């Protein structure tokens, strides 16, 4: 029987599990700007290009006569996957859905149509428009009686500015005054695909949830819901860990999941894995963002499987090829699991001990530690999500999971020599 040919778009660490699984039954061709040697044993051809170059990828897909196209754990390839599938008459989510799930402005406009409460926000095309909205928010915030009697200017508020369509939290920043907004706006605009438009939104600071779900023929099923814990690093907006299941009570979980289902159904997703992030503010649950792909940092490839028993890669391959005819079996939460991540300070790694010992631990399932070695130079520091190194850990209880994470930290002995000669450790918090 002739093997199907599958195009996978994206070739980062988090796409490798999908490529490895697909290669067992398909001839895999890959499109990405950089393709490391780790992919060589699993692919039969490649295209080096920007994953957002839809026309170039389409031409490659047509020449290859592919039977399906898919990506996972990355936002920027979703539109190209939808475009190629639609142009070639292959199973996909459609270009409209591809745009909706990757453009924060369209996302918020659709939520307004659905009557879903949102944090106050506006899409702006210039710093002047951003400043005007910032002042509007300040005028709505109640001032102290003393300030009111003094006739002071609008109250300072905190906002978050976001590029419309990037990934890895690039360009996402918090602003607490007009001066900061003026300073940070150009960086946010730079990371939007048009280098202009930005979402400016009321900043919330409450509890955060992450929700993984799947859709087949427009039917929705939740897979797992977890807690998000962040690094204490200004403007990094990266989770130091995501842990499944959440410790929230049943009523709160139901509230979050009901909102997730309303959004995913309302967005008209035909098929795929979804990854959504929510935040509590004033007793309400608000969407931060949703995506038509599995969660990154091995959430899709590892944590969904550890939580629900679903082998995500096989599901994604089957829907791309039109072979998934019914919803797969989803088990109740199987165990506690999560990822723990760290940043390296700027400098040169002078010690990297315990890597093999960590990888050998029975409760460690996946790591990015192969990237780490003595002598490597790190010039980025804690910049965005893509700079982190992550480790997938499990436990029978939440307490044992936390103990296992502590064991990993104690076993991994890393030292970095900063440019000034100071010896530093990895950034875990």
Protein backbone atom coordinates (compact mmCIF):
# COMPACT_ATOMS: atom_id res chain seq x y z
CA UNK A 1 0.00 0.00 0.00
CA UNK A 2 1.38 3.39 -1.02
CA UNK A 3 2.35 5.61 1.87
CA UNK A 4 0.61 8.97 2.21
CA UNK A 5 2.69 12.11 1.85
CA UNK A 6 2.30 14.61 4.67
CA UNK A 7 3.56 18.18 4.76
CA UNK A 8 4.42 19.49 8.22
CA UNK A 9 5.07 23.22 8.57
CA UNK A 10 7.52 24.23 11.29
CA UNK A 11 10.72 22.55 12.49
CA UNK A 12 11.37 23.67 16.03
CA UNK A 13 11.87 21.46 19.09
CA UNK A 14 8.12 21.22 19.61
CA UNK A 15 7.38 20.01 16.06
CA UNK A 16 9.87 17.13 16.25
CA UNK A 17 7.49 14.72 18.08
CA UNK A 18 4.89 15.21 15.34
CA UNK A 19 7.44 14.62 12.60
CA UNK A 20 8.76 11.49 14.33
CA UNK A 21 5.28 10.02 14.70
CA UNK A 22 4.24 10.88 11.14
CA UNK A 23 7.36 9.25 9.71
CA UNK A 24 6.20 5.87 11.03
CA UNK A 25 3.35 5.72 8.50
CA UNK A 26 3.86 8.60 6.04
CA UNK A 27 6.45 10.14 3.78
CA UNK A 28 7.08 13.46 5.51
CA UNK A 29 8.09 16.68 3.79
CA UNK A 30 8.95 19.70 5.89
CA UNK A 31 8.76 23.47 5.41
CA UNK A 32 10.60 25.79 7.81
CA UNK A 33 13.25 28.52 7.75
CA UNK A 34 15.77 26.30 9.56
CA UNK A 35 15.72 22.51 9.73
CA UNK A 36 18.21 20.92 12.11
CA UNK A 37 19.89 17.56 11.63
CA UNK A 38 17.53 16.09 14.25
CA UNK A 39 14.85 15.93 11.52
CA UNK A 40 17.03 14.26 8.87
CA UNK A 41 16.12 10.62 9.65
CA UNK A 42 12.39 11.36 9.40
CA UNK A 43 11.87 13.46 6.25
CA UNK A 44 12.16 12.78 2.53
CA UNK A 45 12.28 16.38 1.32
CA UNK A 46 12.33 19.92 2.65
CA UNK A 47 11.64 23.54 1.79
CA UNK A 48 13.63 26.25 3.55
CA UNK A 49 11.36 29.29 3.77
CA UNK A 50 9.46 31.60 6.08
CA UNK A 51 6.51 29.55 7.40
CA UNK A 52 4.26 32.55 6.65
CA UNK A 53 5.10 32.46 2.91
CA UNK A 54 1.85 30.85 1.86
CA UNK A 55 2.38 30.95 -1.90
CA UNK A 56 5.86 29.42 -1.78
CA UNK A 57 4.69 26.66 0.53
CA UNK A 58 1.65 26.01 -1.68
CA UNK A 59 3.86 25.63 -4.75
CA UNK A 60 6.07 23.17 -2.86
CA UNK A 61 3.02 21.23 -1.61
CA UNK A 62 1.59 20.97 -5.14
CA UNK A 63 4.90 19.82 -6.56
CA UNK A 64 5.13 17.19 -3.83
CA UNK A 65 1.51 16.10 -4.42
CA UNK A 66 0.86 15.94 -0.70
CA UNK A 67 -2.11 14.13 0.85
CA UNK A 68 -2.31 16.32 3.95
CA UNK A 69 -0.80 19.30 5.76
CA UNK A 70 -0.51 20.01 9.49
CA UNK A 71 1.43 21.81 12.20
CA UNK A 72 1.42 21.81 16.00
CA UNK A 73 2.64 23.84 18.96
CA UNK A 74 3.26 26.97 16.88
CA UNK A 75 0.95 29.86 15.94
CA UNK A 76 2.74 31.36 12.97
CA UNK A 77 2.30 28.26 10.77
CA UNK A 78 -1.46 27.90 11.35
CA UNK A 79 -2.48 30.32 8.58
CA UNK A 80 -0.21 28.65 6.03
CA UNK A 81 -1.56 25.21 6.93
CA UNK A 82 -5.14 26.46 6.49
CA UNK A 83 -4.27 28.18 3.18
CA UNK A 84 -2.53 25.17 1.62
CA UNK A 85 -5.26 22.76 2.71
CA UNK A 86 -7.99 25.01 1.32
CA UNK A 87 -6.24 25.61 -2.01
CA UNK A 88 -5.54 21.90 -2.49
CA UNK A 89 -8.92 20.64 -1.31
CA UNK A 90 -7.42 18.83 1.68
CA UNK A 91 -8.88 18.54 5.19
CA UNK A 92 -8.27 21.72 7.18
CA UNK A 93 -9.85 24.49 9.20
CA UNK A 94 -10.28 27.03 6.39
CA UNK A 95 -8.47 30.33 5.90
CA UNK A 96 -11.11 32.33 7.78
CA UNK A 97 -10.61 30.23 10.90
CA UNK A 98 -6.86 30.37 10.36
CA UNK A 99 -6.99 34.15 10.53
CA UNK A 100 -9.44 34.22 13.42
CA UNK A 101 -7.26 32.05 15.66
CA UNK A 102 -4.03 33.94 14.92
CA UNK A 103 -5.11 37.59 14.82
CA UNK A 104 -5.85 39.05 18.25
CA UNK A 105 -7.94 41.86 16.79
CA UNK A 106 -10.20 39.48 14.82
CA UNK A 107 -10.37 37.27 17.89
CA UNK A 108 -11.71 40.08 20.05
CA UNK A 109 -14.12 41.28 17.38
CA UNK A 110 -15.61 37.79 17.12
CA UNK A 111 -15.97 37.58 20.91
CA UNK A 112 -17.89 40.85 20.83
CA UNK A 113 -20.23 39.35 18.23
CA UNK A 114 -20.73 36.33 20.49
CA UNK A 115 -21.55 38.58 23.47
CA UNK A 116 -18.58 37.34 25.50
CA UNK A 117 -17.32 39.70 28.18
CA UNK A 118 -13.79 40.97 27.54
CA UNK A 119 -11.18 43.05 29.25
CA UNK A 120 -11.41 46.52 27.75
CA UNK A 121 -9.26 46.67 24.63
CA UNK A 122 -8.74 48.43 21.35
CA UNK A 123 -6.83 47.76 18.16
CA UNK A 124 -4.73 50.82 17.34
CA UNK A 125 -2.55 51.77 14.39
CA UNK A 126 -0.44 54.48 15.97
CA UNK A 127 1.03 55.63 19.25
CA UNK A 128 -1.41 58.55 19.26
CA UNK A 129 -4.40 56.17 19.12
CA UNK A 130 -2.85 54.07 21.89
CA UNK A 131 -2.38 57.14 24.10
CA UNK A 132 -5.97 58.23 23.48
CA UNK A 133 -7.30 54.85 24.61
CA UNK A 134 -4.98 54.85 27.61
CA UNK A 135 -6.41 58.20 28.68
CA UNK A 136 -9.96 56.90 28.23
CA UNK A 137 -9.21 54.02 30.60
CA UNK A 138 -7.67 56.43 33.11
CA UNK A 139 -10.73 58.66 32.99
CA UNK A 140 -12.96 55.68 33.86
CA UNK A 141 -10.89 54.66 36.89
CA UNK A 142 -12.23 56.16 40.13
CA UNK A 143 -9.85 58.67 41.69
CA UNK A 144 -9.37 59.15 45.41
CA UNK A 145 -11.55 61.87 47.03
CA UNK A 146 -8.44 64.04 47.51
CA UNK A 147 -7.50 63.72 43.85
CA UNK A 148 -11.06 64.47 42.77
CA UNK A 149 -11.17 67.67 44.84
CA UNK A 150 -7.82 68.76 43.44
CA UNK A 151 -9.09 68.29 39.89
CA UNK A 152 -6.19 66.04 38.96
CA UNK A 153 -5.60 64.48 35.54
CA UNK A 154 -6.86 60.95 34.70
CA UNK A 155 -5.71 58.23 37.07
CA UNK A 156 -2.68 56.18 35.89
CA UNK A 157 -3.69 52.66 34.83
CA UNK A 158 -1.80 49.57 33.77
CA UNK A 159 -2.29 48.25 30.26
CA UNK A 160 -0.75 45.50 28.22
CA UNK A 161 0.24 46.03 24.59
CA UNK A 162 0.43 43.07 22.21
CA UNK A 163 1.36 42.57 18.57
CA UNK A 164 -1.59 41.28 16.59
CA UNK A 165 -0.06 38.05 15.34
CA UNK A 166 3.26 36.99 16.77
CA UNK A 167 4.18 34.06 19.00
CA UNK A 168 6.41 33.44 21.99
CA UNK A 169 5.14 36.66 23.64
CA UNK A 170 7.50 38.69 21.49
CA UNK A 171 6.73 42.38 21.88
CA UNK A 172 4.18 41.87 24.67
CA UNK A 173 4.75 44.51 27.36
CA UNK A 174 3.06 46.14 30.34
CA UNK A 175 2.81 49.93 30.55
CA UNK A 176 1.94 51.77 33.77
CA UNK A 177 2.12 55.35 32.48
CA UNK A 178 2.12 57.33 29.25
CA UNK A 179 5.89 57.56 29.26
CA UNK A 180 6.21 53.76 29.27
CA UNK A 181 3.63 53.48 26.51
CA UNK A 182 5.60 55.90 24.36
CA UNK A 183 8.78 53.94 25.05
CA UNK A 184 7.41 50.44 24.46
CA UNK A 185 4.91 50.90 21.64
CA UNK A 186 7.49 50.67 18.79
CA UNK A 187 8.67 47.25 20.01
CA UNK A 188 5.12 45.87 20.08
CA UNK A 189 4.34 47.29 16.64
CA UNK A 190 7.58 45.83 15.24
CA UNK A 191 6.42 42.28 15.99
CA UNK A 192 3.03 42.64 14.25
CA UNK A 193 3.15 41.36 10.69
CA UNK A 194 2.25 44.82 9.36
CA UNK A 195 4.71 46.49 11.80
CA UNK A 196 1.97 48.92 12.81
CA UNK A 197 -1.15 47.61 14.52
CA UNK A 198 -1.19 46.72 18.21
CA UNK A 199 -3.78 45.57 20.74
CA UNK A 200 -3.86 47.72 23.88
CA UNK A 201 -5.80 46.09 26.68
CA UNK A 202 -6.67 46.51 30.34
CA UNK A 203 -4.06 44.65 32.39
CA UNK A 204 -5.35 41.89 34.68
CA UNK A 205 -3.37 40.22 37.47
CA UNK A 206 -5.53 37.32 38.67
CA UNK A 207 -5.28 33.56 38.61
CA UNK A 208 -4.55 32.03 35.22
CA UNK A 209 -5.69 28.80 33.60
CA UNK A 210 -4.62 26.88 30.52
CA UNK A 211 -7.15 24.69 28.69
CA UNK A 212 -6.45 22.03 26.09
CA UNK A 213 -9.36 20.73 24.01
CA UNK A 214 -10.05 19.02 20.70
CA UNK A 215 -12.59 19.38 17.92
CA UNK A 216 -13.74 16.96 15.25
CA UNK A 217 -16.49 17.81 12.79
CA UNK A 218 -17.27 20.88 14.95
CA UNK A 219 -17.80 18.70 18.04
CA UNK A 220 -15.90 19.94 21.10
CA UNK A 221 -14.29 17.89 23.88
CA UNK A 222 -12.13 19.13 26.73
CA UNK A 223 -8.87 17.29 27.35
CA UNK A 224 -7.42 18.93 30.45
CA UNK A 225 -7.27 22.17 32.42
CA UNK A 226 -4.22 23.37 34.32
CA UNK A 227 -2.67 26.20 36.29
CA UNK A 228 -0.15 28.70 34.92
CA UNK A 229 2.68 30.03 37.10
CA UNK A 230 4.85 32.86 35.77
CA UNK A 231 8.44 33.95 36.07
CA UNK A 232 8.90 37.12 38.10
CA UNK A 233 10.63 38.88 35.20
CA UNK A 234 9.32 42.19 33.81
CA UNK A 235 7.81 41.90 30.32
CA UNK A 236 8.86 38.27 29.91
CA UNK A 237 5.26 36.92 30.01
CA UNK A 238 6.47 33.35 30.06
CA UNK A 239 5.27 30.55 32.30
CA UNK A 240 7.86 28.95 34.57
CA UNK A 241 5.48 26.01 34.84
CA UNK A 242 2.11 24.77 33.73
CA UNK A 243 0.62 22.07 35.91
CA UNK A 244 -2.26 19.69 35.19
CA UNK A 245 -4.83 19.35 36.64
CA UNK A 246 -5.69 22.70 38.17
CA UNK A 247 -6.30 22.99 41.91
CA UNK A 248 -9.45 25.06 41.24
CA UNK A 249 -12.70 23.69 42.64
CA UNK A 250 -15.30 22.01 40.42
CA UNK A 251 -17.49 25.11 40.12
CA UNK A 252 -14.64 27.31 38.90
CA UNK A 253 -13.39 24.62 36.52
CA UNK A 254 -16.87 24.32 35.04
CA UNK A 255 -17.02 28.09 34.57
CA UNK A 256 -13.71 28.16 32.70
CA UNK A 257 -14.55 25.14 30.55
CA UNK A 258 -17.99 26.46 29.67
CA UNK A 259 -16.38 29.66 28.41
CA UNK A 260 -13.79 27.66 26.45
CA UNK A 261 -16.50 25.62 24.74
CA UNK A 262 -18.54 28.73 23.91
CA UNK A 263 -15.51 30.38 22.32
CA UNK A 264 -14.29 27.39 20.33
CA UNK A 265 -17.77 26.55 19.06
CA UNK A 266 -18.48 30.22 18.39
CA UNK A 267 -15.29 30.55 16.37
CA UNK A 268 -16.49 27.74 14.10
CA UNK A 269 -13.48 25.47 14.34
CA UNK A 270 -13.95 22.36 12.21
CA UNK A 271 -11.20 20.15 13.60
CA UNK A 272 -7.96 20.13 15.56
CA UNK A 273 -6.44 20.67 18.99
CA UNK A 274 -7.01 23.98 20.77
CA UNK A 275 -4.90 25.75 23.37
CA UNK A 276 -6.51 28.58 25.33
CA UNK A 277 -5.39 30.78 28.20
CA UNK A 278 -7.73 32.48 30.70
CA UNK A 279 -7.38 34.90 33.60
CA UNK A 280 -9.54 35.78 36.60
CA UNK A 281 -10.27 39.45 37.30
CA UNK A 282 -12.92 40.66 39.76
CA UNK A 283 -14.60 37.26 39.92
CA UNK A 284 -14.94 37.03 36.14
CA UNK A 285 -13.05 34.77 33.74
CA UNK A 286 -11.57 36.41 30.63
CA UNK A 287 -9.88 34.98 27.58
CA UNK A 288 -6.25 36.00 27.12
CA UNK A 289 -5.94 34.19 23.80
CA UNK A 290 -6.91 30.98 22.04
CA UNK A 291 -5.11 29.02 19.33
CA UNK A 292 -6.04 26.35 16.81
CA UNK A 293 -3.06 24.15 17.67
CA UNK A 294 -1.78 22.21 20.65
CA UNK A 295 -0.01 23.93 23.50
CA UNK A 296 3.72 24.48 23.14
CA UNK A 297 6.51 23.35 25.47
CA UNK A 298 5.45 19.74 24.83
CA UNK A 299 1.94 20.30 26.25
CA UNK A 300 0.45 18.84 23.08
CA UNK A 301 2.89 15.98 22.60
CA UNK A 302 3.41 14.97 26.25
CA UNK A 303 1.16 16.62 28.82
CA UNK A 304 -2.10 15.93 26.98
CA UNK A 305 -1.14 12.26 26.72
CA UNK A 306 -0.10 12.07 30.37
CA UNK A 307 -3.36 13.78 31.38
CA UNK A 308 -5.98 12.24 29.08
CA UNK A 309 -4.39 9.29 27.33
CA UNK A 310 -4.79 10.95 23.92
CA UNK A 311 -1.85 10.51 21.54
CA UNK A 312 -2.14 13.95 20.02
CA UNK A 313 0.26 13.43 17.13
CA UNK A 314 -1.72 10.47 15.78
CA UNK A 315 -4.96 12.43 16.06
CA UNK A 316 -3.45 15.36 14.16
CA UNK A 317 -2.05 13.10 11.45
CA UNK A 318 -5.40 11.35 11.04
CA UNK A 319 -7.39 14.58 10.70
CA UNK A 320 -4.86 15.98 8.21
CA UNK A 321 -5.34 12.88 6.06
CA UNK A 322 -9.11 12.72 6.55
CA UNK A 323 -8.84 9.40 8.38
CA UNK A 324 -10.28 10.39 11.79
CA UNK A 325 -13.94 9.43 11.59
CA UNK A 326 -14.98 9.75 15.23
CA UNK A 327 -13.90 11.45 18.44
CA UNK A 328 -11.06 9.53 20.09
CA UNK A 329 -11.40 8.08 23.55
CA UNK A 330 -10.54 10.56 26.28
CA UNK A 331 -9.71 9.24 29.74
CA UNK A 332 -10.24 11.03 33.06
CA UNK A 333 -7.18 12.84 34.41
CA UNK A 334 -4.54 10.11 34.64
CA UNK A 335 -1.86 11.73 36.81
CA UNK A 336 -0.38 15.04 37.83
CA UNK A 337 2.04 16.43 35.31
CA UNK A 338 3.53 19.66 34.08
CA UNK A 339 6.50 21.41 32.65
CA UNK A 340 9.14 23.32 34.55
CA UNK A 341 11.26 25.80 32.65
CA UNK A 342 14.28 27.98 33.21
CA UNK A 343 16.17 30.76 31.50
CA UNK A 344 19.93 31.06 31.21
CA UNK A 345 21.43 34.43 32.16
CA UNK A 346 23.52 36.16 29.51
CA UNK A 347 27.00 34.65 29.52
CA UNK A 348 28.96 31.45 28.90
CA UNK A 349 28.02 28.09 30.39
CA UNK A 350 31.00 26.89 32.46
CA UNK A 351 29.27 23.97 34.16
CA UNK A 352 26.45 21.73 32.93
CA UNK A 353 26.32 18.70 35.20
CA UNK A 354 23.45 16.34 35.93
CA UNK A 355 21.85 16.42 32.47
CA UNK A 356 22.03 12.66 31.91
CA UNK A 357 20.93 12.04 35.51
CA UNK A 358 17.83 14.20 35.02
CA UNK A 359 16.96 12.52 31.72
CA UNK A 360 17.25 9.11 33.42
CA UNK A 361 14.70 9.93 36.14
CA UNK A 362 11.59 7.76 35.78
CA UNK A 363 9.27 10.75 36.23
CA UNK A 364 10.99 12.88 33.57
CA UNK A 365 9.41 12.38 30.14
CA UNK A 366 10.91 14.98 27.82
CA UNK A 367 13.53 17.70 28.06
CA UNK A 368 15.32 20.37 26.03
CA UNK A 369 18.54 19.73 27.92
CA UNK A 370 20.36 18.42 24.86
CA UNK A 371 20.73 22.07 23.86
CA UNK A 372 22.75 22.74 26.99
CA UNK A 373 26.51 22.15 27.13
CA UNK A 374 29.67 23.58 28.61
CA UNK A 375 31.09 26.40 26.55
CA UNK A 376 27.81 27.49 24.96
CA UNK A 377 27.28 31.24 24.77
CA UNK A 378 23.93 32.72 25.67
CA UNK A 379 23.34 36.24 24.40
CA UNK A 380 19.58 36.52 24.77
CA UNK A 381 18.81 36.19 28.48
CA UNK A 382 15.17 36.10 29.62
CA UNK A 383 13.63 37.62 26.51
CA UNK A 384 10.60 35.61 25.40
CA UNK A 385 9.03 32.17 25.69
CA UNK A 386 11.25 30.67 23.01
CA UNK A 387 14.37 31.33 25.11
CA UNK A 388 13.31 28.93 27.87
CA UNK A 389 14.51 25.36 28.34
CA UNK A 390 11.82 23.00 29.59
CA UNK A 391 11.48 19.65 31.33
CA UNK A 392 8.31 17.51 31.44
CA UNK A 393 7.69 15.91 34.85
CA UNK A 394 4.90 13.76 36.35
CA UNK A 395 3.77 12.50 39.75
CA UNK A 396 0.98 10.44 41.30
CA UNK A 397 -0.13 13.41 43.42
CA UNK A 398 0.43 17.15 43.21
CA UNK A 399 2.73 16.91 46.23
CA UNK A 400 4.85 14.21 44.58
CA UNK A 401 4.97 16.24 41.37
CA UNK A 402 6.34 19.20 43.33
CA UNK A 403 8.90 16.92 45.00
CA UNK A 404 9.96 15.59 41.60
CA UNK A 405 10.41 19.11 40.29
CA UNK A 406 12.58 19.92 43.30
CA UNK A 407 14.66 16.82 42.60
CA UNK A 408 15.22 17.96 39.02
CA UNK A 409 16.39 21.37 40.17
CA UNK A 410 18.75 19.85 42.73
CA UNK A 411 20.18 17.36 40.23
CA UNK A 412 20.79 19.85 37.47
CA UNK A 413 23.95 21.82 38.26
CA UNK A 414 24.41 24.70 35.84
CA UNK A 415 26.77 27.64 36.15
CA UNK A 416 27.01 30.61 33.79
CA UNK A 417 29.84 33.10 33.74
CA UNK A 418 28.37 36.56 33.13
CA UNK A 419 30.25 39.13 31.02
CA UNK A 420 31.54 40.76 34.24
CA UNK A 421 32.95 37.42 35.45
CA UNK A 422 30.20 36.72 38.00
CA UNK A 423 29.10 33.08 38.26
CA UNK A 424 25.33 32.74 38.06
CA UNK A 425 22.83 29.90 38.13
CA UNK A 426 19.81 29.33 35.88
CA UNK A 427 16.73 31.52 36.37
CA UNK A 428 13.94 29.33 37.75
CA UNK A 429 11.66 32.01 39.22
